[in-house]
C-alpha atoms as a PDB file:
ATOM      1  CA  MET A   1     -18.051 -55.822  65.112  1.00  0.00           C
ATOM      2  CA  ASN A   2     -18.043 -52.352  66.917  1.00  0.00           C
ATOM      3  CA  GLU A   3     -20.545 -50.697  65.134  1.00  0.00           C
ATOM      4  CA  ARG A   4     -18.765 -47.226  64.579  1.00  0.00           C
ATOM      5  CA  TYR A   5     -16.141 -49.445  62.523  1.00  0.00           C
ATOM      6  CA  GLN A   6     -18.674 -50.609  60.294  1.00  0.00           C
ATOM      7  CA  TYR A   7     -19.069 -47.496  58.073  1.00  0.00           C
ATOM      8  CA  PRO A   8     -15.134 -47.759  56.876  1.00  0.00           C
ATOM      9  CA  ARG A   9     -15.020 -51.356  56.334  1.00  0.00           C
ATOM     10  CA  VAL A  10     -19.175 -50.849  53.980  1.00  0.00           C
ATOM     11  CA  CYS A  11     -17.078 -48.187  52.232  1.00  0.00           C
ATOM     12  CA  SER A  12     -13.487 -50.201  51.259  1.00  0.00           C
ATOM     13  CA  LEU A  13     -16.063 -53.109  50.085  1.00  0.00           C
ATOM     14  CA  LEU A  14     -17.835 -50.905  47.966  1.00  0.00           C
ATOM     15  CA  GLY A  15     -15.106 -49.018  46.506  1.00  0.00           C
ATOM     16  CA  VAL A  16     -15.601 -45.213  48.023  1.00  0.00           C
ATOM     17  CA  THR A  17     -12.644 -44.673  49.760  1.00  0.00           C
ATOM     18  CA  LYS A  18     -10.348 -42.607  48.231  1.00  0.00           C
ATOM     19  CA  THR A  19      -6.695 -43.616  47.387  1.00  0.00           C
ATOM     20  CA  PRO A  20      -3.181 -43.063  48.738  1.00  0.00           C
ATOM     21  CA  LEU A  21      -2.452 -41.063  46.003  1.00  0.00           C
ATOM     22  CA  LEU A  22      -5.451 -39.119  46.361  1.00  0.00           C
ATOM     23  CA  SER A  23      -4.825 -38.681  50.178  1.00  0.00           C
ATOM     24  CA  ALA A  24      -0.762 -37.886  49.026  1.00  0.00           C
ATOM     25  CA  GLN A  25      -2.547 -34.894  46.762  1.00  0.00           C
ATOM     26  CA  ALA A  26      -4.660 -33.178  48.961  1.00  0.00           C
ATOM     27  CA  LEU A  27      -2.097 -33.226  51.683  1.00  0.00           C
ATOM     28  CA  TYR A  28       0.580 -31.539  48.975  1.00  0.00           C
ATOM     29  CA  TYR A  29      -1.700 -28.985  48.364  1.00  0.00           C
ATOM     30  CA  LEU A  30      -2.645 -27.809  52.059  1.00  0.00           C
ATOM     31  CA  GLY A  31       1.254 -27.981  52.657  1.00  0.00           C
ATOM     32  CA  VAL A  32       2.112 -25.667  49.503  1.00  0.00           C
ATOM     33  CA  SER A  33      -0.648 -23.908  47.635  1.00  0.00           C
ATOM     34  CA  GLU A  34      -0.997 -19.616  48.274  1.00  0.00           C
ATOM     35  CA  GLU A  35      -4.360 -20.659  48.872  1.00  0.00           C
ATOM     36  CA  ARG A  36      -3.997 -22.207  52.161  1.00  0.00           C
ATOM     37  CA  LYS A  37      -0.570 -19.938  52.760  1.00  0.00           C
ATOM     38  CA  GLY A  38      -1.184 -19.016  56.562  1.00  0.00           C
ATOM     39  CA  VAL A  39      -3.881 -21.161  57.643  1.00  0.00           C
ATOM     40  CA  ASN A  40      -3.475 -23.175  60.696  1.00  0.00           C
ATOM     41  CA  GLY A  41      -5.579 -24.833  63.038  1.00  0.00           C
ATOM     42  CA  LYS A  42      -7.602 -25.945  60.717  1.00  0.00           C
ATOM     43  CA  SER A  43      -9.264 -29.566  59.835  1.00  0.00           C
ATOM     44  CA  PHE A  44      -9.789 -30.925  56.508  1.00  0.00           C
ATOM     45  CA  ASN A  45     -11.238 -33.738  54.686  1.00  0.00           C
ATOM     46  CA  PHE A  46      -8.364 -33.772  51.680  1.00  0.00           C
ATOM     47  CA  THR A  47      -9.144 -30.265  50.520  1.00  0.00           C
ATOM     48  CA  THR A  48     -12.471 -29.041  51.908  1.00  0.00           C
ATOM     49  CA  GLU A  49     -11.974 -27.358  55.082  1.00  0.00           C
ATOM     50  CA  GLU A  50     -14.850 -29.244  58.071  1.00  0.00           C
ATOM     51  CA  ILE A  51     -15.417 -28.503  61.613  1.00  0.00           C
ATOM     52  CA  PRO A  52     -14.497 -31.079  63.821  1.00  0.00           C
ATOM     53  CA  ALA A  53     -16.539 -33.053  65.489  1.00  0.00           C
ATOM     54  CA  PRO A  54     -16.829 -32.462  68.961  1.00  0.00           C
ATOM     55  CA  HIS A  55     -14.792 -35.087  70.605  1.00  0.00           C
ATOM     56  CA  ALA A  56     -12.068 -34.627  68.205  1.00  0.00           C
ATOM     57  CA  LEU A  57     -11.960 -31.301  70.209  1.00  0.00           C
ATOM     58  CA  ASP A  58     -12.037 -32.796  73.496  1.00  0.00           C
ATOM     59  CA  PRO A  59      -8.761 -32.296  75.640  1.00  0.00           C
ATOM     60  CA  ILE A  60      -9.128 -35.376  77.864  1.00  0.00           C
ATOM     61  CA  VAL A  61      -9.446 -37.570  75.109  1.00  0.00           C
ATOM     62  CA  ALA A  62      -6.500 -35.987  73.093  1.00  0.00           C
ATOM     63  CA  GLU A  63      -4.463 -36.743  76.398  1.00  0.00           C
ATOM     64  CA  LYS A  64      -5.657 -40.486  76.328  1.00  0.00           C
ATOM     65  CA  LEU A  65      -4.845 -40.428  72.815  1.00  0.00           C
ATOM     66  CA  TRP A  66      -1.106 -38.929  73.424  1.00  0.00           C
ATOM     67  CA  HIS A  67      -0.344 -41.434  76.357  1.00  0.00           C
ATOM     68  CA  THR A  68      -1.583 -44.399  74.450  1.00  0.00           C
ATOM     69  CA  SER A  69       0.443 -43.723  71.399  1.00  0.00           C
ATOM     70  CA  LEU A  70       3.326 -43.337  73.657  1.00  0.00           C
ATOM     71  CA  GLU A  71       2.730 -46.789  74.801  1.00  0.00           C
ATOM     72  CA  MET A  72       1.934 -48.469  72.109  1.00  0.00           C
ATOM     73  CA  GLY A  73       5.098 -46.996  70.317  1.00  0.00           C
ATOM     74  CA  GLY A  74       7.620 -47.986  72.899  1.00  0.00           C
ATOM     75  CA  LEU A  75       8.101 -44.510  73.322  1.00  0.00           C
ATOM     76  CA  GLN A  76      10.302 -42.651  76.168  1.00  0.00           C
ATOM     77  CA  GLY A  77      10.250 -39.048  77.212  1.00  0.00           C
ATOM     78  CA  ASP A  78       7.909 -36.661  78.943  1.00  0.00           C
ATOM     79  CA  THR A  79       4.428 -38.193  79.095  1.00  0.00           C
ATOM     80  CA  ASN A  80       3.082 -35.659  81.454  1.00  0.00           C
ATOM     81  CA  THR A  81       2.488 -33.228  79.082  1.00  0.00           C
ATOM     82  CA  MET A  82       2.039 -33.781  75.071  1.00  0.00           C
ATOM     83  CA  SER A  83       4.395 -31.637  72.694  1.00  0.00           C
ATOM     84  CA  ILE A  84       5.358 -32.746  69.481  1.00  0.00           C
END
């Protein structure tokens, strides 16, 4: 198994992962709280603002992920540009 994916597996075995309920509560808070009103373009680990890892900001990696996601999802459309 690739070492890169050991961390989530170990966390799961140790029971230190967050539950779906905690994840949903964090998303709800970030979406509707007055403290986060007008906050855009930031990255969060649950409700804590964090600086993303360098590869998360790489536009080439983002483009590759976009195309892979379209392919895996069987989606059609303009695959030359990323758009939401």
